[in-house]
Amino acid sequence: MQNGITLKIAGVLGFLGVALGAFGAHGLKNILSANDTATIWQTAVLYHLLHAVAALWASERRPLVVWIWAAGTLVFSGSLYILAITNLRWLGAVTPLGGLLLLAGWAMLIFSKKSAKLH
């Protein structure tokens, strides 16, 4: 059951990453331009989508890593999305906490004693 849930989490991450990328490029174009934060939005989408794909791979192999990446994406990309829309620059102080969660997921893969197949 855990693998089914983590596969769904990967799917939700991917779906939202694509939707938010399109929304930023089209629906929020004027706001992001006025705030000069389009690059911040793009960074949020990039990390969001990269970790969605990684979560898809990890969903059957490392379910805990998927949960860590989901939390990291929420905090990292989420804080950047909000910052880009509101231009509240103090939110940039929250972003590294999400980055640490993303790094923790990668470190879990590096230091795992269990071998994972790539296919």
PDB file of N, CA and C in Angstrom:
ATOM      1  N   MET A   1       0.814  -1.205   0.000  1.00  0.00           N
ATOM      2  CA  MET A   1       0.000   0.000   0.000  1.00  0.00           C
ATOM      3  C   MET A   1       0.852   1.261   0.000  1.00  0.00           C
ATOM      4  N   GLN A   2       1.961   1.237   0.703  1.00  0.00           N
ATOM      5  CA  GLN A   2       2.853   2.393   0.770  1.00  0.00           C
ATOM      6  C   GLN A   2       3.298   2.809  -0.627  1.00  0.00           C
ATOM      7  N   ASN A   3       3.646   1.836  -1.476  1.00  0.00           N
ATOM      8  CA  ASN A   3       4.104   2.156  -2.821  1.00  0.00           C
ATOM      9  C   ASN A   3       3.017   2.835  -3.635  1.00  0.00           C
ATOM     10  N   GLY A   4       1.760   2.422  -3.465  1.00  0.00           N
ATOM     11  CA  GLY A   4       0.653   3.060  -4.171  1.00  0.00           C
ATOM     12  C   GLY A   4       0.486   4.509  -3.772  1.00  0.00           C
ATOM     13  N   ILE A   5       0.630   4.785  -2.492  1.00  0.00           N
ATOM     14  CA  ILE A   5       0.510   6.157  -1.994  1.00  0.00           C
ATOM     15  C   ILE A   5       1.664   7.006  -2.519  1.00  0.00           C
ATOM     16  N   THR A   6       2.875   6.474  -2.464  1.00  0.00           N
ATOM     17  CA  THR A   6       4.022   7.274  -2.919  1.00  0.00           C
ATOM     18  C   THR A   6       3.982   7.480  -4.424  1.00  0.00           C
ATOM     19  N   LEU A   7       3.435   6.532  -5.175  1.00  0.00           N
ATOM     20  CA  LEU A   7       3.255   6.727  -6.614  1.00  0.00           C
ATOM     21  C   LEU A   7       2.264   7.857  -6.870  1.00  0.00           C
ATOM     22  N   LYS A   8       1.204   7.906  -6.081  1.00  0.00           N
ATOM     23  CA  LYS A   8       0.228   8.990  -6.210  1.00  0.00           C
ATOM     24  C   LYS A   8       0.848  10.337  -5.828  1.00  0.00           C
ATOM     25  N   ILE A   9       1.685  10.343  -4.801  1.00  0.00           N
ATOM     26  CA  ILE A   9       2.374  11.573  -4.416  1.00  0.00           C
ATOM     27  C   ILE A   9       3.241  12.067  -5.571  1.00  0.00           C
ATOM     28  N   ALA A  10       3.971  11.154  -6.200  1.00  0.00           N
ATOM     29  CA  ALA A  10       4.801  11.531  -7.356  1.00  0.00           C
ATOM     30  C   ALA A  10       3.922  12.091  -8.470  1.00  0.00           C
ATOM     31  N   GLY A  11       2.772  11.461  -8.695  1.00  0.00           N
ATOM     32  CA  GLY A  11       1.854  11.949  -9.724  1.00  0.00           C
ATOM     33  C   GLY A  11       1.317  13.338  -9.418  1.00  0.00           C
ATOM     34  N   VAL A  12       0.942  13.564  -8.166  1.00  0.00           N
ATOM     35  CA  VAL A  12       0.448  14.886  -7.763  1.00  0.00           C
ATOM     36  C   VAL A  12       1.552  15.927  -7.915  1.00  0.00           C
ATOM     37  N   LEU A  13       2.774  15.590  -7.482  1.00  0.00           N
ATOM     38  CA  LEU A  13       3.892  16.523  -7.645  1.00  0.00           C
ATOM     39  C   LEU A  13       4.093  16.887  -9.113  1.00  0.00           C
ATOM     40  N   GLY A  14       4.071  15.887  -9.981  1.00  0.00           N
ATOM     41  CA  GLY A  14       4.256  16.141 -11.406  1.00  0.00           C
ATOM     42  C   GLY A  14       3.127  16.975 -11.990  1.00  0.00           C
ATOM     43  N   PHE A  15       1.892  16.611 -11.673  1.00  0.00           N
ATOM     44  CA  PHE A  15       0.729  17.346 -12.163  1.00  0.00           C
ATOM     45  C   PHE A  15       0.797  18.814 -11.746  1.00  0.00           C
ATOM     46  N   LEU A  16       1.033  19.043 -10.452  1.00  0.00           N
ATOM     47  CA  LEU A  16       1.087  20.418  -9.947  1.00  0.00           C
ATOM     48  C   LEU A  16       2.265  21.189 -10.518  1.00  0.00           C
ATOM     49  N   GLY A  17       3.398  20.498 -10.723  1.00  0.00           N
ATOM     50  CA  GLY A  17       4.559  21.165 -11.306  1.00  0.00           C
ATOM     51  C   GLY A  17       4.280  21.689 -12.701  1.00  0.00           C
ATOM     52  N   VAL A  18       3.647  20.858 -13.522  1.00  0.00           N
ATOM     53  CA  VAL A  18       3.290  21.286 -14.882  1.00  0.00           C
ATOM     54  C   VAL A  18       2.238  22.393 -14.837  1.00  0.00           C
ATOM     55  N   ALA A  19       1.216  22.207 -13.994  1.00  0.00           N
ATOM     56  CA  ALA A  19       0.145  23.211 -13.906  1.00  0.00           C
ATOM     57  C   ALA A  19       0.677  24.558 -13.423  1.00  0.00           C
ATOM     58  N   LEU A  20       1.533  24.537 -12.399  1.00  0.00           N
ATOM     59  CA  LEU A  20       2.076  25.791 -11.876  1.00  0.00           C
ATOM     60  C   LEU A  20       3.055  26.433 -12.855  1.00  0.00           C
ATOM     61  N   GLY A  21       3.778  25.615 -13.601  1.00  0.00           N
ATOM     62  CA  GLY A  21       4.657  26.162 -14.633  1.00  0.00           C
ATOM     63  C   GLY A  21       3.858  26.903 -15.690  1.00  0.00           C
ATOM     64  N   ALA A  22       2.780  26.296 -16.153  1.00  0.00           N
ATOM     65  CA  ALA A  22       1.920  26.932 -17.159  1.00  0.00           C
ATOM     66  C   ALA A  22       1.220  28.163 -16.590  1.00  0.00           C
ATOM     67  N   PHE A  23       0.737  28.045 -15.356  1.00  0.00           N
ATOM     68  CA  PHE A  23       0.047  29.175 -14.727  1.00  0.00           C
ATOM     69  C   PHE A  23       0.982  30.371 -14.568  1.00  0.00           C
ATOM     70  N   GLY A  24       2.225  30.101 -14.188  1.00  0.00           N
ATOM     71  CA  GLY A  24       3.184  31.186 -14.053  1.00  0.00           C
ATOM     72  C   GLY A  24       3.505  31.843 -15.387  1.00  0.00           C
ATOM     73  N   ALA A  25       3.613  31.030 -16.429  1.00  0.00           N
ATOM     74  CA  ALA A  25       3.967  31.557 -17.745  1.00  0.00           C
ATOM     75  C   ALA A  25       2.826  32.346 -18.385  1.00  0.00           C
ATOM     76  N   HIS A  26       1.596  31.995 -18.026  1.00  0.00           N
ATOM     77  CA  HIS A  26       0.459  32.627 -18.690  1.00  0.00           C
ATOM     78  C   HIS A  26      -0.396  33.455 -17.726  1.00  0.00           C
ATOM     79  N   GLY A  27      -0.933  32.817 -16.711  1.00  0.00           N
ATOM     80  CA  GLY A  27      -1.862  33.497 -15.815  1.00  0.00           C
ATOM     81  C   GLY A  27      -1.223  34.533 -14.899  1.00  0.00           C
ATOM     82  N   LEU A  28       0.039  34.318 -14.564  1.00  0.00           N
ATOM     83  CA  LEU A  28       0.714  35.237 -13.631  1.00  0.00           C
ATOM     84  C   LEU A  28       1.778  36.096 -14.305  1.00  0.00           C
ATOM     85  N   LYS A  29       1.811  36.063 -15.612  1.00  0.00           N
ATOM     86  CA  LYS A  29       2.870  36.760 -16.351  1.00  0.00           C
ATOM     87  C   LYS A  29       3.004  38.228 -15.931  1.00  0.00           C
ATOM     88  N   ASN A  30       1.888  38.939 -15.824  1.00  0.00           N
ATOM     89  CA  ASN A  30       1.933  40.364 -15.473  1.00  0.00           C
ATOM     90  C   ASN A  30       2.418  40.589 -14.040  1.00  0.00           C
ATOM     91  N   ILE A  31       1.941  39.763 -13.115  1.00  0.00           N
ATOM     92  CA  ILE A  31       2.344  39.913 -11.707  1.00  0.00           C
ATOM     93  C   ILE A  31       3.831  39.604 -11.547  1.00  0.00           C
ATOM     94  N   LEU A  32       4.273  38.509 -12.138  1.00  0.00           N
ATOM     95  CA  LEU A  32       5.684  38.124 -12.017  1.00  0.00           C
ATOM     96  C   LEU A  32       6.584  39.151 -12.683  1.00  0.00           C
ATOM     97  N   SER A  33       6.110  39.728 -13.766  1.00  0.00           N
ATOM     98  CA  SER A  33       6.880  40.774 -14.450  1.00  0.00           C
ATOM     99  C   SER A  33       6.946  42.037 -13.587  1.00  0.00           C
ATOM    100  N   ALA A  34       5.815  42.430 -13.017  1.00  0.00           N
ATOM    101  CA  ALA A  34       5.772  43.630 -12.169  1.00  0.00           C
ATOM    102  C   ALA A  34       6.649  43.465 -10.928  1.00  0.00           C
ATOM    103  N   ASN A  35       6.673  42.253 -10.372  1.00  0.00           N
ATOM    104  CA  ASN A  35       7.482  41.987  -9.179  1.00  0.00           C
ATOM    105  C   ASN A  35       8.926  41.639  -9.523  1.00  0.00           C
ATOM    106  N   ASP A  36       9.207  41.465 -10.810  1.00  0.00           N
ATOM    107  CA  ASP A  36      10.526  41.020 -11.280  1.00  0.00           C
ATOM    108  C   ASP A  36      10.907  39.693 -10.611  1.00  0.00           C
ATOM    109  N   THR A  37       9.942  38.759 -10.593  1.00  0.00           N
ATOM    110  CA  THR A  37      10.139  37.485  -9.905  1.00  0.00           C
ATOM    111  C   THR A  37       9.900  36.270 -10.802  1.00  0.00           C
ATOM    112  N   ALA A  38       9.884  36.480 -12.108  1.00  0.00           N
ATOM    113  CA  ALA A  38       9.668  35.354 -13.024  1.00  0.00           C
ATOM    114  C   ALA A  38      10.756  34.294 -12.865  1.00  0.00           C
ATOM    115  N   THR A  39      11.985  34.709 -12.641  1.00  0.00           N
ATOM    116  CA  THR A  39      13.089  33.762 -12.461  1.00  0.00           C
ATOM    117  C   THR A  39      12.904  32.944 -11.184  1.00  0.00           C
ATOM    118  N   ILE A  40      12.388  33.571 -10.158  1.00  0.00           N
ATOM    119  CA  ILE A  40      12.121  32.865  -8.900  1.00  0.00           C
ATOM    120  C   ILE A  40      11.049  31.797  -9.136  1.00  0.00           C
ATOM    121  N   TRP A  41       9.993  32.159  -9.864  1.00  0.00           N
ATOM    122  CA  TRP A  41       8.939  31.193 -10.185  1.00  0.00           C
ATOM    123  C   TRP A  41       9.520  30.030 -10.981  1.00  0.00           C
ATOM    124  N   GLN A  42      10.355  30.339 -11.968  1.00  0.00           N
ATOM    125  CA  GLN A  42      10.967  29.296 -12.803  1.00  0.00           C
ATOM    126  C   GLN A  42      11.838  28.353 -11.978  1.00  0.00           C
ATOM    127  N   THR A  43      12.572  28.893 -11.011  1.00  0.00           N
ATOM    128  CA  THR A  43      13.389  28.058 -10.134  1.00  0.00           C
ATOM    129  C   THR A  43      12.503  27.121  -9.318  1.00  0.00           C
ATOM    130  N   ALA A  44      11.396  27.650  -8.805  1.00  0.00           N
ATOM    131  CA  ALA A  44      10.458  26.827  -8.032  1.00  0.00           C
ATOM    132  C   ALA A  44       9.916  25.682  -8.883  1.00  0.00           C
ATOM    133  N   VAL A  45       9.539  25.984 -10.120  1.00  0.00           N
ATOM    134  CA  VAL A  45       8.995  24.960 -11.017  1.00  0.00           C
ATOM    135  C   VAL A  45      10.071  23.926 -11.360  1.00  0.00           C
ATOM    136  N   LEU A  46      11.286  24.377 -11.621  1.00  0.00           N
ATOM    137  CA  LEU A  46      12.375  23.459 -11.971  1.00  0.00           C
ATOM    138  C   LEU A  46      12.606  22.433 -10.859  1.00  0.00           C
ATOM    139  N   TYR A  47      12.785  22.896  -9.639  1.00  0.00           N
ATOM    140  CA  TYR A  47      13.025  21.983  -8.524  1.00  0.00           C
ATOM    141  C   TYR A  47      11.793  21.111  -8.264  1.00  0.00           C
ATOM    142  N   HIS A  48      10.619  21.674  -8.427  1.00  0.00           N
ATOM    143  CA  HIS A  48       9.372  20.949  -8.236  1.00  0.00           C
ATOM    144  C   HIS A  48       9.310  19.769  -9.212  1.00  0.00           C
ATOM    145  N   LEU A  49       9.526  20.043 -10.494  1.00  0.00           N
ATOM    146  CA  LEU A  49       9.420  18.987 -11.503  1.00  0.00           C
ATOM    147  C   LEU A  49      10.549  17.963 -11.410  1.00  0.00           C
ATOM    148  N   LEU A  50      11.759  18.428 -11.104  1.00  0.00           N
ATOM    149  CA  LEU A  50      12.869  17.482 -10.950  1.00  0.00           C
ATOM    150  C   LEU A  50      12.577  16.479  -9.837  1.00  0.00           C
ATOM    151  N   HIS A  51      12.036  16.966  -8.747  1.00  0.00           N
ATOM    152  CA  HIS A  51      11.766  16.066  -7.628  1.00  0.00           C
ATOM    153  C   HIS A  51      10.509  15.236  -7.854  1.00  0.00           C
ATOM    154  N   ALA A  52       9.610  15.690  -8.716  1.00  0.00           N
ATOM    155  CA  ALA A  52       8.468  14.854  -9.097  1.00  0.00           C
ATOM    156  C   ALA A  52       8.949  13.629  -9.868  1.00  0.00           C
ATOM    157  N   VAL A  53       9.862  13.847 -10.807  1.00  0.00           N
ATOM    158  CA  VAL A  53      10.404  12.727 -11.588  1.00  0.00           C
ATOM    159  C   VAL A  53      11.214  11.794 -10.690  1.00  0.00           C
ATOM    160  N   ALA A  54      12.031  12.381  -9.820  1.00  0.00           N
ATOM    161  CA  ALA A  54      12.826  11.561  -8.898  1.00  0.00           C
ATOM    162  C   ALA A  54      11.909  10.769  -7.968  1.00  0.00           C
ATOM    163  N   ALA A  55      10.817  11.388  -7.524  1.00  0.00           N
ATOM    164  CA  ALA A  55       9.865  10.703  -6.648  1.00  0.00           C
ATOM    165  C   ALA A  55       9.187   9.545  -7.375  1.00  0.00           C
ATOM    166  N   LEU A  56       8.938   9.719  -8.658  1.00  0.00           N
ATOM    167  CA  LEU A  56       8.360   8.634  -9.445  1.00  0.00           C
ATOM    168  C   LEU A  56       9.288   7.423  -9.432  1.00  0.00           C
ATOM    169  N   TRP A  57      10.567   7.661  -9.641  1.00  0.00           N
ATOM    170  CA  TRP A  57      11.556   6.583  -9.585  1.00  0.00           C
ATOM    171  C   TRP A  57      11.601   5.954  -8.192  1.00  0.00           C
ATOM    172  N   ALA A  58      11.594   6.794  -7.162  1.00  0.00           N
ATOM    173  CA  ALA A  58      11.765   6.313  -5.787  1.00  0.00           C
ATOM    174  C   ALA A  58      10.496   5.707  -5.200  1.00  0.00           C
ATOM    175  N   SER A  59       9.363   5.886  -5.849  1.00  0.00           N
ATOM    176  CA  SER A  59       8.089   5.479  -5.241  1.00  0.00           C
ATOM    177  C   SER A  59       8.043   4.006  -4.859  1.00  0.00           C
ATOM    178  N   GLU A  60       8.644   3.139  -5.646  1.00  0.00           N
ATOM    179  CA  GLU A  60       8.656   1.714  -5.319  1.00  0.00           C
ATOM    180  C   GLU A  60       9.911   1.290  -4.579  1.00  0.00           C
ATOM    181  N   ARG A  61      10.948   2.088  -4.664  1.00  0.00           N
ATOM    182  CA  ARG A  61      12.245   1.700  -4.121  1.00  0.00           C
ATOM    183  C   ARG A  61      12.522   2.309  -2.744  1.00  0.00           C
ATOM    184  N   ARG A  62      12.166   3.561  -2.589  1.00  0.00           N
ATOM    185  CA  ARG A  62      12.464   4.310  -1.365  1.00  0.00           C
ATOM    186  C   ARG A  62      11.277   5.203  -0.989  1.00  0.00           C
ATOM    187  N   PRO A  63      10.199   4.601  -0.466  1.00  0.00           N
ATOM    188  CA  PRO A  63       9.007   5.400  -0.176  1.00  0.00           C
ATOM    189  C   PRO A  63       9.251   6.546   0.813  1.00  0.00           C
ATOM    190  N   LEU A  64      10.105   6.348   1.794  1.00  0.00           N
ATOM    191  CA  LEU A  64      10.371   7.426   2.755  1.00  0.00           C
ATOM    192  C   LEU A  64      11.011   8.626   2.069  1.00  0.00           C
ATOM    193  N   VAL A  65      11.862   8.364   1.100  1.00  0.00           N
ATOM    194  CA  VAL A  65      12.500   9.452   0.356  1.00  0.00           C
ATOM    195  C   VAL A  65      11.446  10.279  -0.375  1.00  0.00           C
ATOM    196  N   VAL A  66      10.419   9.622  -0.898  1.00  0.00           N
ATOM    197  CA  VAL A  66       9.341  10.344  -1.587  1.00  0.00           C
ATOM    198  C   VAL A  66       8.657  11.310  -0.627  1.00  0.00           C
ATOM    199  N   TRP A  67       8.380  10.861   0.582  1.00  0.00           N
ATOM    200  CA  TRP A  67       7.746  11.730   1.577  1.00  0.00           C
ATOM    201  C   TRP A  67       8.645  12.919   1.924  1.00  0.00           C
ATOM    202  N   ILE A  68       9.941  12.660   2.056  1.00  0.00           N
ATOM    203  CA  ILE A  68      10.894  13.737   2.377  1.00  0.00           C
ATOM    204  C   ILE A  68      10.935  14.746   1.231  1.00  0.00           C
ATOM    205  N   TRP A  69      11.015  14.242  -0.012  1.00  0.00           N
ATOM    206  CA  TRP A  69      11.031  15.146  -1.172  1.00  0.00           C
ATOM    207  C   TRP A  69       9.723  15.916  -1.317  1.00  0.00           C
ATOM    208  N   ALA A  70       8.600  15.272  -1.011  1.00  0.00           N
ATOM    209  CA  ALA A  70       7.316  15.975  -1.089  1.00  0.00           C
ATOM    210  C   ALA A  70       7.282  17.138  -0.094  1.00  0.00           C
ATOM    211  N   ALA A  71       7.742  16.881   1.122  1.00  0.00           N
ATOM    212  CA  ALA A  71       7.798  17.948   2.127  1.00  0.00           C
ATOM    213  C   ALA A  71       8.780  19.035   1.695  1.00  0.00           C
ATOM    214  N   GLY A  72       9.927  18.619   1.181  1.00  0.00           N
ATOM    215  CA  GLY A  72      10.924  19.584   0.715  1.00  0.00           C
ATOM    216  C   GLY A  72      10.407  20.435  -0.423  1.00  0.00           C
ATOM    217  N   THR A  73       9.689  19.814  -1.346  1.00  0.00           N
ATOM    218  CA  THR A  73       9.114  20.557  -2.472  1.00  0.00           C
ATOM    219  C   THR A  73       8.067  21.544  -1.980  1.00  0.00           C
ATOM    220  N   LEU A  74       7.245  21.101  -1.046  1.00  0.00           N
ATOM    221  CA  LEU A  74       6.229  21.996  -0.489  1.00  0.00           C
ATOM    222  C   LEU A  74       6.872  23.240   0.124  1.00  0.00           C
ATOM    223  N   VAL A  75       7.912  23.030   0.921  1.00  0.00           N
ATOM    224  CA  VAL A  75       8.542  24.160   1.611  1.00  0.00           C
ATOM    225  C   VAL A  75       9.422  24.970   0.643  1.00  0.00           C
ATOM    226  N   PHE A  76      10.266  24.291  -0.136  1.00  0.00           N
ATOM    227  CA  PHE A  76      11.194  24.995  -1.032  1.00  0.00           C
ATOM    228  C   PHE A  76      10.432  25.715  -2.143  1.00  0.00           C
ATOM    229  N   SER A  77       9.762  24.938  -2.976  1.00  0.00           N
ATOM    230  CA  SER A  77       9.062  25.546  -4.111  1.00  0.00           C
ATOM    231  C   SER A  77       7.875  26.377  -3.634  1.00  0.00           C
ATOM    232  N   GLY A  78       7.167  25.878  -2.623  1.00  0.00           N
ATOM    233  CA  GLY A  78       6.022  26.619  -2.107  1.00  0.00           C
ATOM    234  C   GLY A  78       6.384  28.008  -1.626  1.00  0.00           C
ATOM    235  N   SER A  79       7.486  28.115  -0.888  1.00  0.00           N
ATOM    236  CA  SER A  79       7.891  29.445  -0.410  1.00  0.00           C
ATOM    237  C   SER A  79       8.302  30.341  -1.573  1.00  0.00           C
ATOM    238  N   LEU A  80       8.927  29.757  -2.597  1.00  0.00           N
ATOM    239  CA  LEU A  80       9.302  30.553  -3.767  1.00  0.00           C
ATOM    240  C   LEU A  80       8.081  30.982  -4.571  1.00  0.00           C
ATOM    241  N   TYR A  81       7.090  30.096  -4.693  1.00  0.00           N
ATOM    242  CA  TYR A  81       5.862  30.474  -5.397  1.00  0.00           C
ATOM    243  C   TYR A  81       5.197  31.665  -4.701  1.00  0.00           C
ATOM    244  N   ILE A  82       5.070  31.565  -3.393  1.00  0.00           N
ATOM    245  CA  ILE A  82       4.422  32.649  -2.636  1.00  0.00           C
ATOM    246  C   ILE A  82       5.254  33.927  -2.720  1.00  0.00           C
ATOM    247  N   LEU A  83       6.566  33.792  -2.591  1.00  0.00           N
ATOM    248  CA  LEU A  83       7.447  34.958  -2.704  1.00  0.00           C
ATOM    249  C   LEU A  83       7.277  35.627  -4.063  1.00  0.00           C
ATOM    250  N   ALA A  84       7.240  34.832  -5.119  1.00  0.00           N
ATOM    251  CA  ALA A  84       7.141  35.381  -6.472  1.00  0.00           C
ATOM    252  C   ALA A  84       5.840  36.158  -6.678  1.00  0.00           C
ATOM    253  N   ILE A  85       4.752  35.672  -6.084  1.00  0.00           N
ATOM    254  CA  ILE A  85       3.455  36.344  -6.255  1.00  0.00           C
ATOM    255  C   ILE A  85       3.332  37.572  -5.366  1.00  0.00           C
ATOM    256  N   THR A  86       3.777  37.442  -4.110  1.00  0.00           N
ATOM    257  CA  THR A  86       3.561  38.514  -3.132  1.00  0.00           C
ATOM    258  C   THR A  86       4.718  39.493  -3.038  1.00  0.00           C
ATOM    259  N   ASN A  87       5.878  39.068  -3.498  1.00  0.00           N
ATOM    260  CA  ASN A  87       7.114  39.855  -3.386  1.00  0.00           C
ATOM    261  C   ASN A  87       7.515  40.082  -1.932  1.00  0.00           C
ATOM    262  N   LEU A  88       7.087  39.181  -1.042  1.00  0.00           N
ATOM    263  CA  LEU A  88       7.499  39.228   0.364  1.00  0.00           C
ATOM    264  C   LEU A  88       8.862  38.541   0.468  1.00  0.00           C
ATOM    265  N   ARG A  89       9.902  39.314   0.433  1.00  0.00           N
ATOM    266  CA  ARG A  89      11.259  38.783   0.339  1.00  0.00           C
ATOM    267  C   ARG A  89      11.695  37.991   1.575  1.00  0.00           C
ATOM    268  N   TRP A  90      11.068  38.217   2.720  1.00  0.00           N
ATOM    269  CA  TRP A  90      11.447  37.466   3.919  1.00  0.00           C
ATOM    270  C   TRP A  90      11.155  35.973   3.760  1.00  0.00           C
ATOM    271  N   LEU A  91      10.281  35.624   2.824  1.00  0.00           N
ATOM    272  CA  LEU A  91      10.004  34.205   2.584  1.00  0.00           C
ATOM    273  C   LEU A  91      11.232  33.461   2.079  1.00  0.00           C
ATOM    274  N   GLY A  92      12.189  34.210   1.529  1.00  0.00           N
ATOM    275  CA  GLY A  92      13.440  33.605   1.087  1.00  0.00           C
ATOM    276  C   GLY A  92      14.194  32.945   2.233  1.00  0.00           C
ATOM    277  N   ALA A  93      13.905  33.350   3.463  1.00  0.00           N
ATOM    278  CA  ALA A  93      14.550  32.742   4.628  1.00  0.00           C
ATOM    279  C   ALA A  93      13.988  31.357   4.928  1.00  0.00           C
ATOM    280  N   VAL A  94      12.781  31.073   4.445  1.00  0.00           N
ATOM    281  CA  VAL A  94      12.142  29.773   4.659  1.00  0.00           C
ATOM    282  C   VAL A  94      12.635  28.748   3.629  1.00  0.00           C
ATOM    283  N   THR A  95      12.927  29.221   2.439  1.00  0.00           N
ATOM    284  CA  THR A  95      13.284  28.355   1.317  1.00  0.00           C
ATOM    285  C   THR A  95      14.404  27.364   1.630  1.00  0.00           C
ATOM    286  N   PRO A  96      15.488  27.781   2.292  1.00  0.00           N
ATOM    287  CA  PRO A  96      16.560  26.817   2.571  1.00  0.00           C
ATOM    288  C   PRO A  96      16.140  25.631   3.430  1.00  0.00           C
ATOM    289  N   LEU A  97      15.118  25.795   4.254  1.00  0.00           N
ATOM    290  CA  LEU A  97      14.625  24.661   5.043  1.00  0.00           C
ATOM    291  C   LEU A  97      14.085  23.574   4.113  1.00  0.00           C
ATOM    292  N   GLY A  98      13.380  23.988   3.084  1.00  0.00           N
ATOM    293  CA  GLY A  98      12.920  23.034   2.083  1.00  0.00           C
ATOM    294  C   GLY A  98      14.080  22.417   1.332  1.00  0.00           C
ATOM    295  N   GLY A  99      15.091  23.241   1.035  1.00  0.00           N
ATOM    296  CA  GLY A  99      16.284  22.734   0.369  1.00  0.00           C
ATOM    297  C   GLY A  99      16.988  21.669   1.197  1.00  0.00           C
ATOM    298  N   LEU A 100      16.997  21.858   2.501  1.00  0.00           N
ATOM    299  CA  LEU A 100      17.609  20.854   3.377  1.00  0.00           C
ATOM    300  C   LEU A 100      16.841  19.534   3.330  1.00  0.00           C
ATOM    301  N   LEU A 101      15.524  19.615   3.237  1.00  0.00           N
ATOM    302  CA  LEU A 101      14.735  18.388   3.110  1.00  0.00           C
ATOM    303  C   LEU A 101      15.020  17.691   1.776  1.00  0.00           C
ATOM    304  N   LEU A 102      15.133  18.472   0.706  1.00  0.00           N
ATOM    305  CA  LEU A 102      15.462  17.882  -0.590  1.00  0.00           C
ATOM    306  C   LEU A 102      16.830  17.207  -0.531  1.00  0.00           C
ATOM    307  N   LEU A 103      17.790  17.879   0.066  1.00  0.00           N
ATOM    308  CA  LEU A 103      19.129  17.298   0.223  1.00  0.00           C
ATOM    309  C   LEU A 103      19.095  16.047   1.098  1.00  0.00           C
ATOM    310  N   ALA A 104      18.265  16.065   2.128  1.00  0.00           N
ATOM    311  CA  ALA A 104      18.165  14.893   3.016  1.00  0.00           C
ATOM    312  C   ALA A 104      17.692  13.668   2.239  1.00  0.00           C
ATOM    313  N   GLY A 105      16.740  13.863   1.342  1.00  0.00           N
ATOM    314  CA  GLY A 105      16.272  12.752   0.518  1.00  0.00           C
ATOM    315  C   GLY A 105      17.386  12.184  -0.350  1.00  0.00           C
ATOM    316  N   TRP A 106      18.163  13.068  -0.951  1.00  0.00           N
ATOM    317  CA  TRP A 106      19.293  12.597  -1.774  1.00  0.00           C
ATOM    318  C   TRP A 106      20.337  11.906  -0.906  1.00  0.00           C
ATOM    319  N   ALA A 107      20.606  12.450   0.269  1.00  0.00           N
ATOM    320  CA  ALA A 107      21.583  11.833   1.169  1.00  0.00           C
ATOM    321  C   ALA A 107      21.110  10.439   1.600  1.00  0.00           C
ATOM    322  N   MET A 108      19.816  10.280   1.780  1.00  0.00           N
ATOM    323  CA  MET A 108      19.289   8.963   2.142  1.00  0.00           C
ATOM    324  C   MET A 108      19.584   7.937   1.045  1.00  0.00           C
ATOM    325  N   LEU A 109      19.537   8.381  -0.199  1.00  0.00           N
ATOM    326  CA  LEU A 109      19.880   7.480  -1.297  1.00  0.00           C
ATOM    327  C   LEU A 109      21.372   7.164  -1.310  1.00  0.00           C
ATOM    328  N   ILE A 110      22.179   8.176  -1.072  1.00  0.00           N
ATOM    329  CA  ILE A 110      23.640   8.003  -1.096  1.00  0.00           C
ATOM    330  C   ILE A 110      24.088   7.027  -0.018  1.00  0.00           C
ATOM    331  N   PHE A 111      23.550   7.178   1.178  1.00  0.00           N
ATOM    332  CA  PHE A 111      24.031   6.405   2.318  1.00  0.00           C
ATOM    333  C   PHE A 111      23.198   5.168   2.629  1.00  0.00           C
ATOM    334  N   SER A 112      22.263   4.846   1.753  1.00  0.00           N
ATOM    335  CA  SER A 112      21.436   3.670   1.950  1.00  0.00           C
ATOM    336  C   SER A 112      22.273   2.405   1.820  1.00  0.00           C
ATOM    337  N   LYS A 113      22.039   1.461   2.705  1.00  0.00           N
ATOM    338  CA  LYS A 113      22.758   0.171   2.641  1.00  0.00           C
ATOM    339  C   LYS A 113      22.072  -0.765   1.668  1.00  0.00           C
ATOM    340  N   LYS A 114      20.826  -0.482   1.378  1.00  0.00           N
ATOM    341  CA  LYS A 114      20.048  -1.311   0.476  1.00  0.00           C
ATOM    342  C   LYS A 114      20.291  -0.852  -0.965  1.00  0.00           C
ATOM    343  N   SER A 115      20.634  -1.779  -1.825  1.00  0.00           N
ATOM    344  CA  SER A 115      20.865  -1.472  -3.224  1.00  0.00           C
ATOM    345  C   SER A 115      19.521  -1.328  -3.933  1.00  0.00           C
ATOM    346  N   ALA A 116      19.438  -0.332  -4.804  1.00  0.00           N
ATOM    347  CA  ALA A 116      18.201  -0.128  -5.573  1.00  0.00           C
ATOM    348  C   ALA A 116      18.486  -0.303  -7.053  1.00  0.00           C
ATOM    349  N   LYS A 117      17.605  -1.033  -7.723  1.00  0.00           N
ATOM    350  CA  LYS A 117      17.739  -1.222  -9.155  1.00  0.00           C
ATOM    351  C   LYS A 117      17.227   0.030  -9.871  1.00  0.00           C
ATOM    352  N   LEU A 118      17.835   0.354 -10.999  1.00  0.00           N
ATOM    353  CA  LEU A 118      17.429   1.516 -11.767  1.00  0.00           C
ATOM    354  C   LEU A 118      16.189   1.251 -12.618  1.00  0.00           C
ATOM    355  N   HIS A 119      15.799   0.021 -12.792  1.00  0.00           N
ATOM    356  CA  HIS A 119      14.614  -0.264 -13.613  1.00  0.00           C
ATOM    357  C   HIS A 119      13.473  -0.769 -12.779  1.00  0.00           C
TER     358      HIS A 119
END
